[in-house]
Amino acid sequence: MSIRPHSTTETPLIVLEDACKYFPVRRGLTRRVVGHARAVDGVSLAVARGEALGVVGESGSGKTTLARLVPRLIQSTRGRVLYDGQDVETASGRDLIRIRRRMGIVFQDPSSSLNPRTPVRGSIARPLELQGIRGKEATRRVLETIELVNLGAEVLDRYPHQLSGGQQQRASIARAIILRPQLLILDEPTSALDVSVQAQILNLLQSLQAQIGLTYLFITHNLSVVRYMSDRIGVMYLGRLVEVAPVGPMQDRPLHPYTAALFSASPPLNPRLRNRQRYRLVGDPPSLISPPPGCSLHPRCVFAVEQCREEVPLLVDAGDGRQVACHRWMQLALAVQTG
């Protein structure tokens, strides 16, 4: 299977090789293991330095679990996760601390990710304290960082509940970048915010990427957001990547039926496109504990044939920096109007 970075000859910042995460399913008083939920099931992917990769899919597709494997917030079941050439899975002690220091994480709900009993200054400065940076140097870095996220110094002595949702998320972003990481993992960073505030946060993230040279792993279910923020999009279904492509080509001509269905479900900006051709899936997603044989989408896909029911499609190179996991992608002429 080919693993390609985003149009660069540099070593990718992140490489996942057949990454898997299975969660045991327990039942009864004895908590006996009766199966495993395959949250991430054999994902291979590379993210280049300075790239913004968006990962989309339905709830339960494995997006957040995939993001948590990168800093090893959870241990993978199988496979490798490399960060800047270092194996995250086998790193321990100081090596793992050094790797994590070069990553920042912004969570979905800023009100729950900030300590309610600590003033904002303390939350932002906490990563500095863990690195032994205190006093005037810590104060200088905090003031410098809140200026980057367009917060005034007056918020530093307030508690999280005294801030608006947008201010809370800006404070969370400031904490994530205080150590000037290479990578920022963004897990639904705008879904808990009002639409007007979402736009401000997204513009801020784009500005920070240009100023600091950040790499983004952007997890979201909002297709409008991922189109705006990302260079490439990875589409997940039932723990697997089904398509990876640059934003423009994927939006105009998806190669996988699931991708086409996702974009069809997104309301068009142009009212003249309300009667456009749509691709629909039938039924509900299968269980992660007992996924169907062959292509996991085949019970819901109108294009499925016997091969789809028997053989698992591999993620193959489709040209122009695109990858797709579908037996019939060369025969299907999918097009989605989203303008």
Protein backbone atom coordinates (compact mmCIF):
# COMPACT_ATOMS: atom_id res chain seq x y z
CA MET A 1 0.00 0.00 0.00
CA SER A 2 1.39 3.41 -0.92
CA ILE A 3 1.64 6.08 1.77
CA ARG A 4 2.09 9.53 0.28
CA PRO A 5 2.83 12.84 1.94
CA HIS A 6 1.25 16.00 0.60
CA SER A 7 3.25 16.93 -2.50
CA THR A 8 6.62 17.24 -0.79
CA THR A 9 9.94 15.45 -0.83
CA GLU A 10 10.40 16.00 2.90
CA THR A 11 9.90 13.24 5.41
CA PRO A 12 6.24 13.36 6.54
CA LEU A 13 5.64 14.68 10.04
CA ILE A 14 3.13 11.91 10.81
CA VAL A 15 3.03 8.41 9.37
CA LEU A 16 0.50 5.75 10.35
CA GLU A 17 1.16 2.23 9.14
CA ASP A 18 -1.74 -0.23 9.45
CA ALA A 19 -2.80 1.48 12.69
CA CYS A 20 -5.54 -0.35 14.60
CA LYS A 21 -7.40 0.24 17.83
CA TYR A 22 -9.82 -2.41 19.09
CA PHE A 23 -11.77 -1.81 22.28
CA PRO A 24 -12.87 -4.91 24.24
CA VAL A 25 -16.63 -5.33 24.69
CA ARG A 26 -17.52 -6.80 28.10
CA ARG A 27 -20.80 -8.20 29.37
CA GLY A 28 -22.26 -9.74 32.49
CA LEU A 29 -21.22 -9.59 36.11
CA THR A 30 -17.87 -11.15 35.31
CA ARG A 31 -17.17 -8.52 32.65
CA ARG A 32 -16.28 -11.26 30.22
CA VAL A 33 -14.89 -10.09 26.87
CA VAL A 34 -17.39 -11.07 24.18
CA GLY A 35 -15.87 -9.19 21.25
CA HIS A 36 -13.97 -6.13 20.12
CA ALA A 37 -15.18 -2.85 18.65
CA ARG A 38 -12.89 -1.99 15.74
CA ALA A 39 -12.72 1.78 16.18
CA VAL A 40 -9.68 2.11 13.91
CA ASP A 41 -9.08 -0.81 11.60
CA GLY A 42 -5.90 -0.75 9.52
CA VAL A 43 -5.34 2.92 8.70
CA SER A 44 -2.24 3.92 6.72
CA LEU A 45 -1.72 7.62 6.21
CA ALA A 46 0.98 10.30 5.96
CA VAL A 47 0.72 13.99 6.88
CA ALA A 48 3.31 16.42 5.54
CA ARG A 49 4.84 19.29 7.46
CA GLY A 50 2.75 22.44 7.17
CA GLU A 51 -0.24 20.56 5.80
CA ALA A 52 -3.79 20.78 7.07
CA LEU A 53 -5.39 17.35 6.83
CA GLY A 54 -9.10 17.14 7.59
CA VAL A 55 -10.62 13.84 8.70
CA VAL A 56 -14.38 13.46 8.23
CA GLY A 57 -17.02 10.78 8.64
CA GLU A 58 -20.18 9.90 10.52
CA SER A 59 -20.26 9.69 14.30
CA GLY A 60 -18.55 6.45 15.32
CA SER A 61 -16.39 6.28 12.19
CA GLY A 62 -13.18 6.39 14.26
CA LYS A 63 -12.05 9.99 13.65
CA THR A 64 -11.37 10.93 17.26
CA THR A 65 -9.80 7.56 18.10
CA LEU A 66 -7.43 8.02 15.16
CA ALA A 67 -6.43 11.47 16.43
CA ARG A 68 -5.76 10.12 19.93
CA LEU A 69 -3.39 7.46 18.59
CA VAL A 70 -0.96 10.10 17.31
CA PRO A 71 0.13 11.47 20.74
CA ARG A 72 -0.51 8.02 22.27
CA LEU A 73 -3.32 9.20 24.49
CA ILE A 74 -4.48 5.65 23.87
CA GLN A 75 -2.29 2.67 22.98
CA SER A 76 -2.79 1.17 19.55
CA THR A 77 -3.72 -2.50 19.23
CA ARG A 78 -1.54 -3.02 16.19
CA GLY A 79 0.47 -1.06 13.66
CA ARG A 80 2.93 1.80 13.89
CA VAL A 81 2.60 5.54 14.53
CA LEU A 82 5.66 7.61 13.58
CA TYR A 83 6.11 11.26 14.51
CA ASP A 84 8.99 13.04 12.79
CA GLY A 85 10.55 9.63 12.18
CA GLN A 86 10.23 8.47 15.81
CA ASP A 87 8.07 5.51 16.78
CA VAL A 88 5.45 6.85 19.18
CA GLU A 89 4.32 3.37 20.18
CA THR A 90 7.70 2.27 21.50
CA ALA A 91 8.78 5.64 22.98
CA SER A 92 8.90 5.81 26.75
CA GLY A 93 9.85 8.21 29.50
CA ARG A 94 11.67 11.31 28.30
CA ASP A 95 11.42 10.32 24.63
CA LEU A 96 7.63 10.28 24.78
CA ILE A 97 7.60 13.58 26.69
CA ARG A 98 9.79 15.18 24.00
CA ILE A 99 7.47 13.92 21.25
CA ARG A 100 4.35 15.17 23.01
CA ARG A 101 5.96 18.55 23.66
CA ARG A 102 5.93 19.12 19.89
CA MET A 103 2.17 18.49 19.74
CA GLY A 104 -0.78 20.55 20.90
CA ILE A 105 -4.41 19.45 21.26
CA VAL A 106 -7.58 21.55 21.10
CA PHE A 107 -10.69 19.72 22.26
CA GLN A 108 -14.33 20.07 21.27
CA ASP A 109 -15.75 21.73 24.39
CA PRO A 110 -13.52 24.54 25.71
CA SER A 111 -15.57 24.94 28.90
CA SER A 112 -14.71 21.39 29.98
CA SER A 113 -11.08 21.42 28.81
CA LEU A 114 -10.14 24.42 30.98
CA ASN A 115 -9.78 23.99 34.74
CA PRO A 116 -12.84 25.75 36.27
CA ARG A 117 -10.96 26.41 39.54
CA THR A 118 -7.94 28.04 37.92
CA PRO A 119 -7.72 31.51 36.36
CA VAL A 120 -7.09 31.50 32.62
CA ARG A 121 -3.49 32.58 33.22
CA GLY A 122 -2.81 29.36 35.11
CA SER A 123 -4.35 27.14 32.44
CA ILE A 124 -2.35 28.75 29.64
CA ALA A 125 0.89 28.71 31.64
CA ARG A 126 0.54 25.11 32.84
CA PRO A 127 2.55 23.56 29.94
CA LEU A 128 5.37 26.02 30.71
CA GLU A 129 5.37 24.98 34.37
CA LEU A 130 5.68 21.33 33.39
CA GLN A 131 8.79 22.28 31.40
CA GLY A 132 10.26 24.18 34.35
CA ILE A 133 9.60 27.63 32.88
CA ARG A 134 8.32 30.08 35.48
CA GLY A 135 8.55 33.72 36.58
CA LYS A 136 9.17 36.54 34.11
CA GLU A 137 9.90 34.22 31.21
CA ALA A 138 6.58 32.41 31.68
CA THR A 139 4.73 35.73 31.92
CA ARG A 140 6.40 36.98 28.74
CA ARG A 141 5.43 33.85 26.82
CA VAL A 142 1.84 33.94 28.08
CA LEU A 143 1.39 37.59 27.05
CA GLU A 144 3.00 36.91 23.69
CA THR A 145 0.74 33.92 23.06
CA ILE A 146 -2.57 35.53 24.04
CA GLU A 147 -1.74 38.33 21.62
CA LEU A 148 -1.38 35.72 18.87
CA VAL A 149 -4.90 34.42 19.59
CA ASN A 150 -6.37 37.94 19.86
CA LEU A 151 -7.14 37.88 23.59
CA GLY A 152 -6.59 40.85 25.85
CA ALA A 153 -4.49 40.66 29.00
CA GLU A 154 -7.59 41.40 31.09
CA VAL A 155 -8.89 37.82 30.58
CA LEU A 156 -5.87 36.24 32.29
CA ASP A 157 -7.20 36.81 35.79
CA ARG A 158 -10.72 35.63 34.98
CA TYR A 159 -12.08 32.14 35.44
CA PRO A 160 -13.32 30.11 32.45
CA HIS A 161 -17.02 30.62 33.33
CA GLN A 162 -16.48 34.37 33.06
CA LEU A 163 -15.49 34.09 29.39
CA SER A 164 -17.61 33.65 26.29
CA GLY A 165 -17.39 30.41 24.32
CA GLY A 166 -15.14 32.04 21.74
CA GLN A 167 -12.81 33.42 24.40
CA GLN A 168 -12.64 30.02 26.08
CA GLN A 169 -11.64 28.36 22.82
CA ARG A 170 -9.02 31.05 22.13
CA ALA A 171 -7.60 30.38 25.60
CA SER A 172 -7.53 26.64 24.81
CA ILE A 173 -5.69 27.36 21.55
CA ALA A 174 -3.22 29.59 23.42
CA ARG A 175 -2.49 26.77 25.85
CA ALA A 176 -2.01 24.33 22.95
CA ILE A 177 0.54 26.55 21.17
CA ILE A 178 2.36 28.01 24.21
CA LEU A 179 5.30 25.62 23.65
CA ARG A 180 5.30 26.35 19.89
CA PRO A 181 4.50 22.81 18.73
CA GLN A 182 4.87 21.52 15.18
CA LEU A 183 1.49 19.78 15.17
CA LEU A 184 -1.93 20.89 16.35
CA ILE A 185 -4.60 18.22 16.71
CA LEU A 186 -8.05 19.83 16.49
CA ASP A 187 -10.96 17.64 17.57
CA GLU A 188 -14.20 19.36 16.50
CA PRO A 189 -12.83 22.72 17.73
CA THR A 190 -15.82 24.78 16.56
CA SER A 191 -18.82 22.45 16.97
CA ALA A 192 -19.74 23.85 20.42
CA LEU A 193 -19.66 27.48 19.20
CA ASP A 194 -22.14 29.79 17.52
CA VAL A 195 -21.80 30.07 13.74
CA SER A 196 -20.43 33.63 13.83
CA VAL A 197 -17.85 32.64 16.45
CA GLN A 198 -16.93 29.54 14.43
CA ALA A 199 -15.83 31.75 11.54
CA GLN A 200 -13.63 33.83 13.85
CA ILE A 201 -11.93 30.74 15.29
CA LEU A 202 -11.36 29.21 11.85
CA ASN A 203 -9.82 32.46 10.56
CA LEU A 204 -7.62 32.55 13.67
CA LEU A 205 -6.43 28.99 13.04
CA GLN A 206 -5.55 29.81 9.45
CA SER A 207 -3.63 32.88 10.60
CA LEU A 208 -1.72 30.88 13.21
CA GLN A 209 -0.79 28.23 10.69
CA ALA A 210 0.76 30.89 8.46
CA GLN A 211 2.56 32.67 11.31
CA ILE A 212 3.93 29.69 13.22
CA GLY A 213 4.12 27.07 10.45
CA LEU A 214 1.80 24.60 12.14
CA THR A 215 0.66 21.25 10.80
CA TYR A 216 -3.04 20.54 11.41
CA LEU A 217 -4.85 17.26 11.95
CA PHE A 218 -8.42 18.54 11.84
CA ILE A 219 -11.20 16.23 13.02
CA THR A 220 -14.74 17.30 12.14
CA HIS A 221 -18.10 16.18 10.80
CA ASN A 222 -18.77 19.61 9.26
CA LEU A 223 -17.98 19.47 5.55
CA SER A 224 -18.10 23.25 5.13
CA VAL A 225 -15.48 23.62 7.84
CA VAL A 226 -13.21 20.92 6.45
CA ARG A 227 -13.41 22.38 2.94
CA TYR A 228 -12.40 25.79 4.29
CA MET A 229 -9.57 24.60 6.54
CA SER A 230 -7.94 21.64 4.80
CA ASP A 231 -5.44 20.97 2.03
CA ARG A 232 -6.49 17.32 1.88
CA ILE A 233 -9.41 15.36 3.27
CA GLY A 234 -9.41 11.82 4.60
CA VAL A 235 -12.82 10.15 4.70
CA MET A 236 -13.40 7.44 7.31
CA TYR A 237 -16.11 4.84 7.45
CA LEU A 238 -16.38 2.12 10.10
CA GLY A 239 -12.78 2.59 11.26
CA ARG A 240 -11.21 2.60 7.79
CA LEU A 241 -10.04 5.26 5.37
CA VAL A 242 -12.09 4.99 2.19
CA GLU A 243 -10.72 8.01 0.33
CA VAL A 244 -7.93 10.57 0.66
CA ALA A 245 -7.65 13.47 -1.79
CA PRO A 246 -7.01 17.19 -2.16
CA VAL A 247 -10.08 19.25 -1.27
CA GLY A 248 -10.97 20.55 -4.75
CA PRO A 249 -10.89 17.26 -6.68
CA MET A 250 -12.69 15.39 -3.90
CA GLN A 251 -15.43 17.99 -3.71
CA ASP A 252 -15.98 18.09 -7.47
CA ARG A 253 -15.53 14.42 -8.28
CA PRO A 254 -15.45 12.02 -5.35
CA LEU A 255 -14.24 8.53 -6.21
CA HIS A 256 -15.91 6.60 -3.40
CA PRO A 257 -19.72 6.22 -3.07
CA TYR A 258 -19.55 7.05 0.64
CA THR A 259 -17.72 10.31 -0.07
CA ALA A 260 -20.32 11.18 -2.70
CA ALA A 261 -23.11 10.49 -0.20
CA LEU A 262 -21.45 12.72 2.43
CA PHE A 263 -21.12 15.66 0.08
CA SER A 264 -24.63 15.11 -1.27
CA ALA A 265 -25.98 15.41 2.27
CA SER A 266 -24.34 18.82 2.70
CA PRO A 267 -26.80 21.64 1.81
CA PRO A 268 -25.60 23.58 -1.26
CA LEU A 269 -24.81 27.27 -0.94
CA ASN A 270 -26.51 27.98 -4.27
CA PRO A 271 -30.32 27.58 -4.04
CA ARG A 272 -30.41 26.63 -7.73
CA LEU A 273 -28.68 23.38 -6.81
CA ARG A 274 -31.40 22.16 -4.46
CA ASN A 275 -32.61 19.69 -7.09
CA ARG A 276 -29.11 18.44 -7.95
CA GLN A 277 -28.32 14.76 -8.27
CA ARG A 278 -27.80 13.15 -4.87
CA TYR A 279 -26.22 9.92 -3.74
CA ARG A 280 -27.96 8.25 -0.83
CA LEU A 281 -27.06 5.39 1.46
CA VAL A 282 -29.68 2.90 2.62
CA GLY A 283 -30.01 1.61 6.16
CA ASP A 284 -27.79 2.29 9.16
CA PRO A 285 -24.06 1.77 9.71
CA PRO A 286 -23.17 -1.81 10.69
CA SER A 287 -21.85 -2.72 14.11
CA LEU A 288 -18.17 -2.10 14.85
CA ILE A 289 -18.17 -5.39 16.76
CA SER A 290 -19.25 -7.51 13.80
CA PRO A 291 -18.60 -5.58 10.58
CA PRO A 292 -19.84 -7.14 7.33
CA PRO A 293 -17.46 -9.16 5.15
CA GLY A 294 -15.87 -7.55 2.13
CA CYS A 295 -16.38 -3.82 1.75
CA SER A 296 -17.94 -2.54 4.96
CA LEU A 297 -20.17 -0.17 2.95
CA HIS A 298 -21.71 -2.82 0.70
CA PRO A 299 -24.95 -3.32 2.73
CA ARG A 300 -25.74 0.38 2.22
CA CYS A 301 -24.26 0.97 -1.25
CA VAL A 302 -26.46 0.91 -4.37
CA PHE A 303 -23.38 0.27 -6.53
CA ALA A 304 -22.29 -2.90 -4.70
CA VAL A 305 -21.62 -6.09 -6.68
CA GLU A 306 -20.64 -9.60 -5.60
CA GLN A 307 -16.94 -8.67 -5.36
CA CYS A 308 -17.83 -5.94 -2.85
CA ARG A 309 -19.54 -8.51 -0.62
CA GLU A 310 -16.56 -10.87 -0.62
CA GLU A 311 -13.31 -8.87 -0.86
CA VAL A 312 -12.05 -6.04 1.34
CA PRO A 313 -10.96 -3.17 -0.95
CA LEU A 314 -7.47 -1.79 -0.33
CA LEU A 315 -6.59 1.89 -0.37
CA VAL A 316 -4.94 2.26 -3.80
CA ASP A 317 -3.32 5.11 -5.69
CA ALA A 318 -5.84 6.75 -8.03
CA GLY A 319 -3.46 9.36 -9.46
CA ASP A 320 -3.09 13.11 -8.83
CA GLY A 321 -2.41 12.56 -5.14
CA ARG A 322 -5.65 10.66 -4.61
CA GLN A 323 -6.28 7.33 -2.91
CA VAL A 324 -9.48 5.32 -2.77
CA ALA A 325 -10.67 2.00 -1.33
CA CYS A 326 -13.40 0.87 -3.73
CA HIS A 327 -13.49 -2.04 -6.18
CA ARG A 328 -15.57 -0.08 -8.69
CA TRP A 329 -14.10 3.43 -8.52
CA MET A 330 -12.90 3.31 -12.14
CA GLN A 331 -16.38 2.37 -13.40
CA LEU A 332 -18.34 4.91 -11.36
CA ALA A 333 -18.71 8.48 -12.64
CA LEU A 334 -19.65 10.29 -9.42
CA ALA A 335 -20.05 14.07 -9.41
CA VAL A 336 -21.40 16.32 -6.66
CA GLN A 337 -22.44 19.97 -7.06
CA THR A 338 -21.82 21.93 -3.88
CA GLY A 339 -21.47 25.54 -5.06
